[in-house]
Every structure is written in structure tokens, then in C-alpha cells.
Amino acid sequence: MAKVTLHVYDLTNGSEKTNSTIVHINKIFKNGIGLGGIFHSAVQVYGDDEWSFGFSEEGTGVFSCPSRKNAMFTYRRSLALGKTNYNIFKVNQILRELSKEWPGNSYDRFSKNCNHFCDEFCVRLGVPKLPGWVNRFANVGDIAMEVAGNTASRFRQAKTEMVSASKAAYRFLFCVTNNVKTDMDDSNREESPIVQVAWLKNLVTNGVKPSTSSSSETENHSEVVPQQHI
């Protein structure tokens, strides 16, 4: 058996303004409200490296790097996902299969991103999938399901920051998906008002249900040290 560890990063790989915006989004939506944020993730098992998925024009999108050392993003925390019953040879076989099934040019921020890859890797390792908050912004439907049932007092306190952060989140995701320069202070850029309003309505209409995983994360997901190298 071997420990399986998830490493989570703030997705700060843009300009200084973009990075500041991502940190703001994650601070409000993950730390403040418990919904989630804009994150990169990677899975570590049997070694000092972590495995993830990203865009590349040719070949596989599966790649590895030293755990918690991905220079493209800002490391946030590590979560223990459990233990796999597979030996190192079986895990290497799984990685070879995933490398063929996840070409770099198939990357899509909403439907096939690094977090989706880590989910699939975890399933094949026989451990739980990622906590919902890690990839929530890739699926507006998940957010819509969470938007309900909060008390009026908490909603009033969070509303201003929620609106500000949600607008920034929408703008970031819209720009990246459409290959637009992600300068968050560009006031001249106009997204579709109908689409943006619909997206924001899911977030702010009825308030936000506090995450039930915040306390359990502290209890069940602890930081870990790297295991024996493959």
C-alpha cells in the first residue's frame, strides 16, 4: 500500500494583476465562503514527484514535477486522499495508460483540465476523488446547487465581496477559454451581459450555503511528506 496525496495550487500563472485577482477570488470563495476557487492540482504516489495534466500542442498532456514545486503556480496545501493497494509497477502501468488517453491538445479548462485528470487518476488508484471545492469553478452547475439556504445576515456580510470576486472569476474564465489576454483591470473589455448575469445569478440570488467540508478537511486531510521515489 502507498499513500496518495493531492497537492493544490492557486492558479497564478499570469500577469501580476491576474495573479492578484486569482488570490482574491480564492480568498473569498474558498477561505471565506467555502465554495471553491481557481486551482491547479497534482497527485503524488510512490515517489517524490507529483503527476498532473496540462496543454501541449503535441504528445501527452500528462507530466510530472517535484512535489509541491510546480514553478508555474502558487502552492496552497496538500491533502491526504488515502492509500492505494496497487504496487509501484501497477501504478506505472496506470500512468502509461493515462498518458495515452490524455493528449495535451485535448485540454479544456471546463471539461478536461488538471483537476479532471487527478479525479480519474484517483479513481484508478482506488482512492476518493478530489474534494468538490478544488474544481468547482469548472462547472457552474455545481455552484448553482450550492447557492441556496444561507442566512440573511451572512449573505449581507458577504454580498459585496461575492459580487466583486464572482465578476473577476467570470472574467478570468471567459478570457482564458477564449484565448483573450487576462488583464483584470481592462475596463474596455465587454463580455456578454446575458451570459455574465446568468452566471452571477447562480452565485448571488439566494445566498451561498457554507461548505460542510471545511472542518472535516482539517481533520481528515493533513499535510504529508513525499514517499519513496518511483
C-alpha atoms as a PDB file:
ATOM      1  CA  MET A   1       0.000   0.000   0.000  1.00  0.00           C
ATOM      2  CA  ALA A   2       1.135   3.545  -0.693  1.00  0.00           C
ATOM      3  CA  LYS A   3      -0.150   6.948   0.378  1.00  0.00           C
ATOM      4  CA  VAL A   4      -1.876   9.074  -2.253  1.00  0.00           C
ATOM      5  CA  THR A   5      -1.521  12.818  -1.797  1.00  0.00           C
ATOM      6  CA  LEU A   6      -3.189  15.716  -3.558  1.00  0.00           C
ATOM      7  CA  HIS A   7      -1.227  18.950  -3.929  1.00  0.00           C
ATOM      8  CA  VAL A   8      -3.309  22.064  -4.570  1.00  0.00           C
ATOM      9  CA  TYR A   9      -2.031  25.332  -6.049  1.00  0.00           C
ATOM     10  CA  ASP A  10      -3.562  28.743  -6.664  1.00  0.00           C
ATOM     11  CA  LEU A  11      -3.685  29.057 -10.443  1.00  0.00           C
ATOM     12  CA  THR A  12      -1.388  32.096 -10.522  1.00  0.00           C
ATOM     13  CA  ASN A  13       0.434  31.826 -13.825  1.00  0.00           C
ATOM     14  CA  GLY A  14      -0.467  35.133 -15.448  1.00  0.00           C
ATOM     15  CA  SER A  15       0.420  38.766 -15.021  1.00  0.00           C
ATOM     16  CA  GLU A  16       0.834  40.353 -11.604  1.00  0.00           C
ATOM     17  CA  LYS A  17      -2.680  41.809 -11.874  1.00  0.00           C
ATOM     18  CA  THR A  18      -4.139  38.444 -12.875  1.00  0.00           C
ATOM     19  CA  ASN A  19      -2.338  36.661 -10.048  1.00  0.00           C
ATOM     20  CA  SER A  20      -3.613  39.189  -7.542  1.00  0.00           C
ATOM     21  CA  THR A  21      -7.141  38.660  -8.827  1.00  0.00           C
ATOM     22  CA  ILE A  22      -6.878  34.869  -8.545  1.00  0.00           C
ATOM     23  CA  VAL A  23      -5.663  35.150  -4.959  1.00  0.00           C
ATOM     24  CA  HIS A  24      -8.611  37.462  -4.210  1.00  0.00           C
ATOM     25  CA  ILE A  25     -11.092  35.048  -5.808  1.00  0.00           C
ATOM     26  CA  ASN A  26      -9.708  32.081  -3.891  1.00  0.00           C
ATOM     27  CA  LYS A  27      -9.607  34.013  -0.636  1.00  0.00           C
ATOM     28  CA  ILE A  28     -13.291  34.931  -0.879  1.00  0.00           C
ATOM     29  CA  PHE A  29     -14.713  31.777  -2.411  1.00  0.00           C
ATOM     30  CA  LYS A  30     -12.623  29.143  -0.622  1.00  0.00           C
ATOM     31  CA  ASN A  31     -11.417  30.677   2.627  1.00  0.00           C
ATOM     32  CA  GLY A  32     -14.359  32.993   3.236  1.00  0.00           C
ATOM     33  CA  ILE A  33     -17.365  31.120   1.874  1.00  0.00           C
ATOM     34  CA  GLY A  34     -16.144  27.562   1.356  1.00  0.00           C
ATOM     35  CA  LEU A  35     -17.354  27.204  -2.244  1.00  0.00           C
ATOM     36  CA  GLY A  36     -14.080  26.716  -4.027  1.00  0.00           C
ATOM     37  CA  GLY A  37     -11.774  28.702  -6.263  1.00  0.00           C
ATOM     38  CA  ILE A  38      -9.483  28.566  -9.277  1.00  0.00           C
ATOM     39  CA  PHE A  39      -6.925  25.872  -8.573  1.00  0.00           C
ATOM     40  CA  HIS A  40      -4.340  23.596 -10.156  1.00  0.00           C
ATOM     41  CA  SER A  41      -3.921  20.136  -8.672  1.00  0.00           C
ATOM     42  CA  ALA A  42      -1.497  17.205  -8.882  1.00  0.00           C
ATOM     43  CA  VAL A  43      -1.344  13.712  -7.399  1.00  0.00           C
ATOM     44  CA  GLN A  44       1.674  12.168  -5.680  1.00  0.00           C
ATOM     45  CA  VAL A  45       2.093   8.425  -5.155  1.00  0.00           C
ATOM     46  CA  TYR A  46       5.195   6.233  -4.720  1.00  0.00           C
ATOM     47  CA  GLY A  47       7.812   8.909  -5.053  1.00  0.00           C
ATOM     48  CA  ASP A  48       8.963  12.482  -4.749  1.00  0.00           C
ATOM     49  CA  ASP A  49       7.158  13.595  -7.920  1.00  0.00           C
ATOM     50  CA  GLU A  50       3.575  14.709  -8.468  1.00  0.00           C
ATOM     51  CA  TRP A  51       1.548  13.978 -11.603  1.00  0.00           C
ATOM     52  CA  SER A  52      -0.824  16.303 -13.396  1.00  0.00           C
ATOM     53  CA  PHE A  53      -2.180  17.322 -16.809  1.00  0.00           C
ATOM     54  CA  GLY A  54      -1.856  20.407 -18.979  1.00  0.00           C
ATOM     55  CA  PHE A  55      -1.996  21.698 -22.521  1.00  0.00           C
ATOM     56  CA  SER A  56       0.604  20.812 -25.113  1.00  0.00           C
ATOM     57  CA  GLU A  57       0.384  21.026 -28.888  1.00  0.00           C
ATOM     58  CA  GLU A  58       1.845  17.558 -29.384  1.00  0.00           C
ATOM     59  CA  GLY A  59       2.106  14.378 -27.337  1.00  0.00           C
ATOM     60  CA  THR A  60       0.676  13.673 -23.933  1.00  0.00           C
ATOM     61  CA  GLY A  61      -0.506  16.337 -21.546  1.00  0.00           C
ATOM     62  CA  VAL A  62       0.432  14.197 -18.533  1.00  0.00           C
ATOM     63  CA  PHE A  63       3.557  15.450 -16.813  1.00  0.00           C
ATOM     64  CA  SER A  64       5.403  15.245 -13.514  1.00  0.00           C
ATOM     65  CA  CYS A  65       7.497  17.576 -11.383  1.00  0.00           C
ATOM     66  CA  PRO A  66       8.909  17.551  -7.841  1.00  0.00           C
ATOM     67  CA  SER A  67       6.023  17.540  -5.375  1.00  0.00           C
ATOM     68  CA  ARG A  68       4.821  20.966  -4.242  1.00  0.00           C
ATOM     69  CA  LYS A  69       7.418  22.589  -6.522  1.00  0.00           C
ATOM     70  CA  ASN A  70       5.470  23.441  -9.677  1.00  0.00           C
ATOM     71  CA  ALA A  71       7.001  26.794 -10.575  1.00  0.00           C
ATOM     72  CA  MET A  72       4.028  27.854 -12.712  1.00  0.00           C
ATOM     73  CA  PHE A  73       1.628  28.125  -9.783  1.00  0.00           C
ATOM     74  CA  THR A  74       1.499  29.085  -6.108  1.00  0.00           C
ATOM     75  CA  TYR A  75       1.439  26.127  -3.742  1.00  0.00           C
ATOM     76  CA  ARG A  76      -1.516  26.204  -1.336  1.00  0.00           C
ATOM     77  CA  ARG A  77      -1.818  22.928   0.595  1.00  0.00           C
ATOM     78  CA  SER A  78      -1.628  19.125   0.494  1.00  0.00           C
ATOM     79  CA  LEU A  79      -4.437  16.679   1.232  1.00  0.00           C
ATOM     80  CA  ALA A  80      -4.118  13.003   2.105  1.00  0.00           C
ATOM     81  CA  LEU A  81      -6.592  11.068  -0.060  1.00  0.00           C
ATOM     82  CA  GLY A  82      -5.951   7.597   1.339  1.00  0.00           C
ATOM     83  CA  LYS A  83      -3.856   4.622   0.272  1.00  0.00           C
ATOM     84  CA  THR A  84      -3.751   2.621  -2.929  1.00  0.00           C
ATOM     85  CA  ASN A  85      -3.487  -1.151  -2.816  1.00  0.00           C
ATOM     86  CA  TYR A  86      -1.560  -1.202  -6.100  1.00  0.00           C
ATOM     87  CA  ASN A  87       2.182  -1.729  -6.181  1.00  0.00           C
ATOM     88  CA  ILE A  88       4.575   0.591  -7.971  1.00  0.00           C
ATOM     89  CA  PHE A  89       4.509  -1.461 -11.183  1.00  0.00           C
ATOM     90  CA  LYS A  90       0.716  -1.250 -11.454  1.00  0.00           C
ATOM     91  CA  VAL A  91       0.784   2.485 -10.757  1.00  0.00           C
ATOM     92  CA  ASN A  92       3.343   2.977 -13.519  1.00  0.00           C
ATOM     93  CA  GLN A  93       1.087   0.997 -15.857  1.00  0.00           C
ATOM     94  CA  ILE A  94      -1.850   3.254 -14.958  1.00  0.00           C
ATOM     95  CA  LEU A  95       0.254   6.334 -15.699  1.00  0.00           C
ATOM     96  CA  ARG A  96       1.277   4.933 -19.087  1.00  0.00           C
ATOM     97  CA  GLU A  97      -2.380   4.324 -19.927  1.00  0.00           C
ATOM     98  CA  LEU A  98      -3.382   7.811 -18.826  1.00  0.00           C
ATOM     99  CA  SER A  99      -0.567   9.341 -20.858  1.00  0.00           C
ATOM    100  CA  LYS A 100      -2.061   7.800 -23.999  1.00  0.00           C
ATOM    101  CA  GLU A 101      -5.632   8.725 -23.103  1.00  0.00           C
ATOM    102  CA  TRP A 102      -4.908  12.368 -22.165  1.00  0.00           C
ATOM    103  CA  PRO A 103      -3.156  14.097 -25.105  1.00  0.00           C
ATOM    104  CA  GLY A 104      -2.124  17.661 -24.445  1.00  0.00           C
ATOM    105  CA  ASN A 105      -4.208  19.113 -27.275  1.00  0.00           C
ATOM    106  CA  SER A 106      -7.392  17.741 -25.653  1.00  0.00           C
ATOM    107  CA  TYR A 107      -7.014  20.075 -22.666  1.00  0.00           C
ATOM    108  CA  ASP A 108     -10.103  22.159 -21.925  1.00  0.00           C
ATOM    109  CA  ARG A 109     -10.399  24.423 -18.901  1.00  0.00           C
ATOM    110  CA  PHE A 110     -14.010  23.458 -18.245  1.00  0.00           C
ATOM    111  CA  SER A 111     -14.339  19.834 -19.342  1.00  0.00           C
ATOM    112  CA  LYS A 112     -10.864  18.294 -19.296  1.00  0.00           C
ATOM    113  CA  ASN A 113      -8.449  20.110 -17.017  1.00  0.00           C
ATOM    114  CA  CYS A 114      -5.808  19.116 -14.471  1.00  0.00           C
ATOM    115  CA  ASN A 115      -8.424  18.524 -11.787  1.00  0.00           C
ATOM    116  CA  HIS A 116     -10.415  16.177 -14.025  1.00  0.00           C
ATOM    117  CA  PHE A 117      -7.213  14.268 -14.684  1.00  0.00           C
ATOM    118  CA  CYS A 118      -6.471  13.963 -10.960  1.00  0.00           C
ATOM    119  CA  ASP A 119     -10.018  12.718 -10.383  1.00  0.00           C
ATOM    120  CA  GLU A 120      -9.519   9.992 -12.984  1.00  0.00           C
ATOM    121  CA  PHE A 121      -6.105   9.071 -11.617  1.00  0.00           C
ATOM    122  CA  CYS A 122      -7.559   8.747  -8.115  1.00  0.00           C
ATOM    123  CA  VAL A 123     -10.403   6.543  -9.360  1.00  0.00           C
ATOM    124  CA  ARG A 124      -7.918   4.170 -10.967  1.00  0.00           C
ATOM    125  CA  LEU A 125      -5.815   4.147  -7.815  1.00  0.00           C
ATOM    126  CA  GLY A 126      -8.894   3.199  -5.795  1.00  0.00           C
ATOM    127  CA  VAL A 127      -8.919   6.276  -3.554  1.00  0.00           C
ATOM    128  CA  PRO A 128     -11.542   9.042  -3.146  1.00  0.00           C
ATOM    129  CA  LYS A 129     -11.836  11.753  -5.776  1.00  0.00           C
ATOM    130  CA  LEU A 130     -10.808  15.351  -5.147  1.00  0.00           C
ATOM    131  CA  PRO A 131     -12.860  17.431  -2.688  1.00  0.00           C
ATOM    132  CA  GLY A 132     -15.568  19.320  -4.574  1.00  0.00           C
ATOM    133  CA  TRP A 133     -14.124  22.759  -3.890  1.00  0.00           C
ATOM    134  CA  VAL A 134     -10.949  22.050  -5.889  1.00  0.00           C
ATOM    135  CA  ASN A 135     -12.677  22.064  -9.303  1.00  0.00           C
ATOM    136  CA  ARG A 136     -15.961  23.789  -8.591  1.00  0.00           C
ATOM    137  CA  PHE A 137     -15.391  26.784 -10.853  1.00  0.00           C
ATOM    138  CA  ALA A 138     -15.117  24.496 -13.874  1.00  0.00           C
ATOM    139  CA  ASN A 139     -18.793  23.637 -13.503  1.00  0.00           C
ATOM    140  CA  VAL A 140     -21.303  26.425 -12.973  1.00  0.00           C
ATOM    141  CA  GLY A 141     -23.909  23.782 -12.268  1.00  0.00           C
ATOM    142  CA  ASP A 142     -22.078  22.785  -9.109  1.00  0.00           C
ATOM    143  CA  ILE A 143     -22.128  26.378  -7.941  1.00  0.00           C
ATOM    144  CA  ALA A 144     -25.829  26.676  -8.700  1.00  0.00           C
ATOM    145  CA  MET A 145     -26.539  23.659  -6.495  1.00  0.00           C
ATOM    146  CA  GLU A 146     -24.671  25.307  -3.629  1.00  0.00           C
ATOM    147  CA  VAL A 147     -26.446  28.657  -3.966  1.00  0.00           C
ATOM    148  CA  ALA A 148     -29.323  28.255  -1.522  1.00  0.00           C
ATOM    149  CA  GLY A 149     -30.343  28.256   2.110  1.00  0.00           C
ATOM    150  CA  ASN A 150     -27.941  30.699   3.714  1.00  0.00           C
ATOM    151  CA  THR A 151     -28.970  33.081   6.489  1.00  0.00           C
ATOM    152  CA  ALA A 152     -29.738  36.656   5.540  1.00  0.00           C
ATOM    153  CA  SER A 153     -27.158  38.061   7.930  1.00  0.00           C
ATOM    154  CA  ARG A 154     -24.257  36.081   6.470  1.00  0.00           C
ATOM    155  CA  PHE A 155     -25.369  36.859   2.953  1.00  0.00           C
ATOM    156  CA  ARG A 156     -25.456  40.605   3.650  1.00  0.00           C
ATOM    157  CA  GLN A 157     -21.956  40.465   5.082  1.00  0.00           C
ATOM    158  CA  ALA A 158     -20.543  38.545   2.126  1.00  0.00           C
ATOM    159  CA  LYS A 159     -22.589  40.005  -0.730  1.00  0.00           C
ATOM    160  CA  THR A 160     -20.307  42.880  -1.714  1.00  0.00           C
ATOM    161  CA  GLU A 161     -17.178  40.736  -1.811  1.00  0.00           C
ATOM    162  CA  MET A 162     -19.028  37.889  -3.517  1.00  0.00           C
ATOM    163  CA  VAL A 163     -20.180  40.131  -6.361  1.00  0.00           C
ATOM    164  CA  SER A 164     -16.717  41.600  -6.822  1.00  0.00           C
ATOM    165  CA  ALA A 165     -14.968  38.238  -6.763  1.00  0.00           C
ATOM    166  CA  SER A 166     -17.562  36.493  -8.921  1.00  0.00           C
ATOM    167  CA  LYS A 167     -17.250  39.141 -11.621  1.00  0.00           C
ATOM    168  CA  ALA A 168     -13.497  38.700 -11.579  1.00  0.00           C
ATOM    169  CA  ALA A 169     -13.867  34.922 -11.680  1.00  0.00           C
ATOM    170  CA  TYR A 170     -16.220  35.062 -14.646  1.00  0.00           C
ATOM    171  CA  ARG A 171     -13.939  37.463 -16.492  1.00  0.00           C
ATOM    172  CA  PHE A 172     -10.891  35.277 -15.854  1.00  0.00           C
ATOM    173  CA  LEU A 173     -12.561  32.068 -17.033  1.00  0.00           C
ATOM    174  CA  PHE A 174     -14.154  33.798 -20.032  1.00  0.00           C
ATOM    175  CA  CYS A 175     -10.857  35.302 -21.173  1.00  0.00           C
ATOM    176  CA  VAL A 176      -8.804  32.117 -20.785  1.00  0.00           C
ATOM    177  CA  THR A 177     -11.383  29.963 -22.537  1.00  0.00           C
ATOM    178  CA  ASN A 178     -11.484  32.391 -25.466  1.00  0.00           C
ATOM    179  CA  ASN A 179      -7.722  32.989 -25.553  1.00  0.00           C
ATOM    180  CA  VAL A 180      -8.104  36.628 -24.550  1.00  0.00           C
ATOM    181  CA  LYS A 181      -5.375  38.488 -22.628  1.00  0.00           C
ATOM    182  CA  THR A 182      -6.341  38.201 -18.950  1.00  0.00           C
ATOM    183  CA  ASP A 183      -5.836  41.745 -17.716  1.00  0.00           C
ATOM    184  CA  MET A 184      -8.401  42.087 -14.964  1.00  0.00           C
ATOM    185  CA  ASP A 185      -8.272  45.881 -14.922  1.00  0.00           C
ATOM    186  CA  ASP A 186      -9.141  46.279 -18.605  1.00  0.00           C
ATOM    187  CA  SER A 187     -12.378  48.221 -18.269  1.00  0.00           C
ATOM    188  CA  ASN A 188     -12.853  48.387 -22.042  1.00  0.00           C
ATOM    189  CA  ARG A 189     -13.484  44.671 -22.419  1.00  0.00           C
ATOM    190  CA  GLU A 190     -17.172  43.740 -22.550  1.00  0.00           C
ATOM    191  CA  GLU A 191     -18.412  40.182 -22.093  1.00  0.00           C
ATOM    192  CA  SER A 192     -21.917  39.097 -22.999  1.00  0.00           C
ATOM    193  CA  PRO A 193     -24.160  40.754 -20.372  1.00  0.00           C
ATOM    194  CA  ILE A 194     -26.738  37.964 -20.638  1.00  0.00           C
ATOM    195  CA  VAL A 195     -24.185  35.229 -20.048  1.00  0.00           C
ATOM    196  CA  GLN A 196     -22.452  37.082 -17.235  1.00  0.00           C
ATOM    197  CA  VAL A 197     -25.675  37.976 -15.453  1.00  0.00           C
ATOM    198  CA  ALA A 198     -26.879  34.372 -15.678  1.00  0.00           C
ATOM    199  CA  TRP A 199     -23.565  33.134 -14.281  1.00  0.00           C
ATOM    200  CA  LEU A 200     -23.571  35.654 -11.447  1.00  0.00           C
ATOM    201  CA  LYS A 201     -27.214  34.979 -10.638  1.00  0.00           C
ATOM    202  CA  ASN A 202     -26.302  31.419  -9.700  1.00  0.00           C
ATOM    203  CA  LEU A 203     -23.881  32.837  -7.149  1.00  0.00           C
ATOM    204  CA  VAL A 204     -25.759  35.699  -5.513  1.00  0.00           C
ATOM    205  CA  THR A 205     -29.518  35.287  -5.946  1.00  0.00           C
ATOM    206  CA  ASN A 206     -30.244  33.262  -2.826  1.00  0.00           C
ATOM    207  CA  GLY A 207     -27.014  33.421  -0.862  1.00  0.00           C
ATOM    208  CA  VAL A 208     -24.345  30.768  -0.527  1.00  0.00           C
ATOM    209  CA  LYS A 209     -24.535  27.619   1.512  1.00  0.00           C
ATOM    210  CA  PRO A 210     -21.461  27.347   3.726  1.00  0.00           C
ATOM    211  CA  SER A 211     -19.171  24.459   2.915  1.00  0.00           C
ATOM    212  CA  THR A 212     -19.609  21.448   5.161  1.00  0.00           C
ATOM    213  CA  SER A 213     -16.127  20.215   4.351  1.00  0.00           C
ATOM    214  CA  SER A 214     -14.083  22.981   5.959  1.00  0.00           C
ATOM    215  CA  SER A 215     -13.813  21.389   9.364  1.00  0.00           C
ATOM    216  CA  SER A 216     -13.532  17.851   8.058  1.00  0.00           C
ATOM    217  CA  GLU A 217     -10.688  18.884   5.782  1.00  0.00           C
ATOM    218  CA  THR A 218      -8.669  19.863   8.799  1.00  0.00           C
ATOM    219  CA  GLU A 219      -9.427  16.560  10.477  1.00  0.00           C
ATOM    220  CA  ASN A 220      -9.163  14.188   7.513  1.00  0.00           C
ATOM    221  CA  HIS A 221      -6.695  15.859   5.156  1.00  0.00           C
ATOM    222  CA  SER A 222      -3.298  16.614   6.591  1.00  0.00           C
ATOM    223  CA  GLU A 223      -0.065  17.720   5.036  1.00  0.00           C
ATOM    224  CA  VAL A 224       2.215  14.830   4.250  1.00  0.00           C
ATOM    225  CA  VAL A 225       5.797  14.234   3.285  1.00  0.00           C
ATOM    226  CA  PRO A 226       6.880  12.688  -0.035  1.00  0.00           C
ATOM    227  CA  GLN A 227       7.118   8.910  -0.271  1.00  0.00           C
ATOM    228  CA  GLN A 228       9.763   6.639  -1.785  1.00  0.00           C
ATOM    229  CA  HIS A 229      10.734   7.656  -5.318  1.00  0.00           C
ATOM    230  CA  ILE A 230       9.433   5.540  -8.225  1.00  0.00           C
END
